[in-house]
Amino acid sequence: MSIYKDLKIGTTIRDLRNKLGYPQKYMYKELGVSSATYSGYETNCTEPKKDMLFKICQLLETNLKDLVIMSIFKEEKEDIDESKL
């Protein structure tokens, strides 16, 4: 059972990548995965393993905690009031 399934982390990954202006090709080459694998992450069809999530976060200039929070609340990192968590 996936703990990420309902979070739609892939959608958040895609949104952050687009915000930074990175093409998918940049991401999958830097991560050392195929284009199909990376596309699967962004479309929530394939769940990245924990070590891959850390690599993705590094490339997207965020951390796993913020990635999960953004996925839950569907808000930008800057708009999240952590005092309300």
C-alpha atoms as a PDB file:
ATOM      1  CA  MET A   1       0.000   0.000   0.000  1.00  0.00           C
ATOM      2  CA  SER A   2       1.311   3.405  -0.923  1.00  0.00           C
ATOM      3  CA  ILE A   3       1.481   6.175   1.633  1.00  0.00           C
ATOM      4  CA  TYR A   4       1.859   8.712  -1.176  1.00  0.00           C
ATOM      5  CA  LYS A   5      -1.028   7.532  -3.349  1.00  0.00           C
ATOM      6  CA  ASP A   6      -3.647   9.985  -2.108  1.00  0.00           C
ATOM      7  CA  LEU A   7      -1.182  12.864  -1.838  1.00  0.00           C
ATOM      8  CA  LYS A   8      -0.614  13.217  -5.582  1.00  0.00           C
ATOM      9  CA  ILE A   9       3.029  14.100  -4.918  1.00  0.00           C
ATOM     10  CA  GLY A  10       3.715  13.732  -8.642  1.00  0.00           C
ATOM     11  CA  THR A  11       1.453  16.659  -9.414  1.00  0.00           C
ATOM     12  CA  THR A  12       3.352  18.794  -6.921  1.00  0.00           C
ATOM     13  CA  ILE A  13       6.673  17.656  -8.413  1.00  0.00           C
ATOM     14  CA  ARG A  14       5.431  18.693 -11.862  1.00  0.00           C
ATOM     15  CA  ASP A  15       4.223  22.056 -10.597  1.00  0.00           C
ATOM     16  CA  LEU A  16       7.548  22.806  -8.865  1.00  0.00           C
ATOM     17  CA  ARG A  17       9.518  21.705 -11.934  1.00  0.00           C
ATOM     18  CA  ASN A  18       7.455  24.004 -14.141  1.00  0.00           C
ATOM     19  CA  LYS A  19       7.819  26.875 -11.690  1.00  0.00           C
ATOM     20  CA  LEU A  20      11.610  26.503 -11.873  1.00  0.00           C
ATOM     21  CA  GLY A  21      11.465  26.269 -15.687  1.00  0.00           C
ATOM     22  CA  TYR A  22      13.059  22.821 -15.881  1.00  0.00           C
ATOM     23  CA  PRO A  23      12.037  20.559 -18.752  1.00  0.00           C
ATOM     24  CA  GLN A  24      11.260  16.926 -17.955  1.00  0.00           C
ATOM     25  CA  LYS A  25      14.389  15.937 -19.878  1.00  0.00           C
ATOM     26  CA  TYR A  26      16.574  17.828 -17.392  1.00  0.00           C
ATOM     27  CA  MET A  27      14.964  16.020 -14.482  1.00  0.00           C
ATOM     28  CA  TYR A  28      15.153  12.467 -15.789  1.00  0.00           C
ATOM     29  CA  LYS A  29      18.732  12.899 -16.980  1.00  0.00           C
ATOM     30  CA  GLU A  30      19.836  14.350 -13.623  1.00  0.00           C
ATOM     31  CA  LEU A  31      18.018  11.571 -11.760  1.00  0.00           C
ATOM     32  CA  GLY A  32      19.361   8.826 -14.013  1.00  0.00           C
ATOM     33  CA  VAL A  33      15.954   7.382 -14.878  1.00  0.00           C
ATOM     34  CA  SER A  34      14.140   6.894 -18.150  1.00  0.00           C
ATOM     35  CA  SER A  35      11.721   9.474 -19.487  1.00  0.00           C
ATOM     36  CA  ALA A  36       8.876   6.989 -18.984  1.00  0.00           C
ATOM     37  CA  THR A  37       9.811   6.437 -15.348  1.00  0.00           C
ATOM     38  CA  TYR A  38      10.020  10.145 -14.627  1.00  0.00           C
ATOM     39  CA  SER A  39       6.773  10.824 -16.477  1.00  0.00           C
ATOM     40  CA  GLY A  40       5.172   8.146 -14.313  1.00  0.00           C
ATOM     41  CA  TYR A  41       6.238  10.044 -11.209  1.00  0.00           C
ATOM     42  CA  GLU A  42       4.632  13.266 -12.404  1.00  0.00           C
ATOM     43  CA  THR A  43       1.396  11.596 -13.460  1.00  0.00           C
ATOM     44  CA  ASN A  44       1.119   9.717 -10.153  1.00  0.00           C
ATOM     45  CA  CYS A  45       1.293   6.374 -11.982  1.00  0.00           C
ATOM     46  CA  THR A  46       4.636   5.376 -10.486  1.00  0.00           C
ATOM     47  CA  GLU A  47       5.662   6.053  -6.921  1.00  0.00           C
ATOM     48  CA  PRO A  48       9.272   7.164  -6.499  1.00  0.00           C
ATOM     49  CA  LYS A  49      11.175   5.349  -3.776  1.00  0.00           C
ATOM     50  CA  LYS A  50      12.333   7.324  -0.761  1.00  0.00           C
ATOM     51  CA  ASP A  51      15.902   7.873  -2.034  1.00  0.00           C
ATOM     52  CA  MET A  52      14.530   9.099  -5.375  1.00  0.00           C
ATOM     53  CA  LEU A  53      12.178  11.506  -3.591  1.00  0.00           C
ATOM     54  CA  PHE A  54      15.164  13.011  -1.790  1.00  0.00           C
ATOM     55  CA  LYS A  55      16.994  13.452  -5.110  1.00  0.00           C
ATOM     56  CA  ILE A  56      13.928  15.047  -6.684  1.00  0.00           C
ATOM     57  CA  CYS A  57      13.576  17.420  -3.737  1.00  0.00           C
ATOM     58  CA  GLN A  58      17.219  18.413  -4.075  1.00  0.00           C
ATOM     59  CA  LEU A  59      16.768  19.266  -7.751  1.00  0.00           C
ATOM     60  CA  LEU A  60      13.574  21.190  -6.997  1.00  0.00           C
ATOM     61  CA  GLU A  61      15.211  23.157  -4.192  1.00  0.00           C
ATOM     62  CA  THR A  62      12.834  21.893  -1.515  1.00  0.00           C
ATOM     63  CA  ASN A  63      12.699  19.174   1.108  1.00  0.00           C
ATOM     64  CA  LEU A  64      10.457  16.167   1.572  1.00  0.00           C
ATOM     65  CA  LYS A  65       8.476  17.766   4.404  1.00  0.00           C
ATOM     66  CA  ASP A  66       7.560  20.785   2.272  1.00  0.00           C
ATOM     67  CA  LEU A  67       6.804  18.586  -0.741  1.00  0.00           C
ATOM     68  CA  VAL A  68       4.323  16.559   1.324  1.00  0.00           C
ATOM     69  CA  ILE A  69       2.758  19.673   2.870  1.00  0.00           C
ATOM     70  CA  MET A  70       2.342  21.278  -0.558  1.00  0.00           C
ATOM     71  CA  SER A  71       0.769  18.046  -1.834  1.00  0.00           C
ATOM     72  CA  ILE A  72      -1.705  17.897   1.045  1.00  0.00           C
ATOM     73  CA  PHE A  73      -2.761  21.538   1.036  1.00  0.00           C
ATOM     74  CA  LYS A  74      -2.246  22.259  -2.674  1.00  0.00           C
ATOM     75  CA  GLU A  75      -0.551  25.533  -1.800  1.00  0.00           C
ATOM     76  CA  GLU A  76       2.757  27.116  -2.655  1.00  0.00           C
ATOM     77  CA  LYS A  77       5.499  26.676  -0.101  1.00  0.00           C
ATOM     78  CA  GLU A  78       5.494  30.403   0.656  1.00  0.00           C
ATOM     79  CA  ASP A  79       1.732  30.390   1.347  1.00  0.00           C
ATOM     80  CA  ILE A  80       1.745  27.661   3.998  1.00  0.00           C
ATOM     81  CA  ASP A  81       1.350  28.819   7.583  1.00  0.00           C
ATOM     82  CA  GLU A  82       3.103  26.055   9.513  1.00  0.00           C
ATOM     83  CA  SER A  83       1.735  27.349  12.808  1.00  0.00           C
ATOM     84  CA  LYS A  84      -1.645  26.002  11.701  1.00  0.00           C
ATOM     85  CA  LEU A  85      -0.342  22.469  11.102  1.00  0.00           C
END
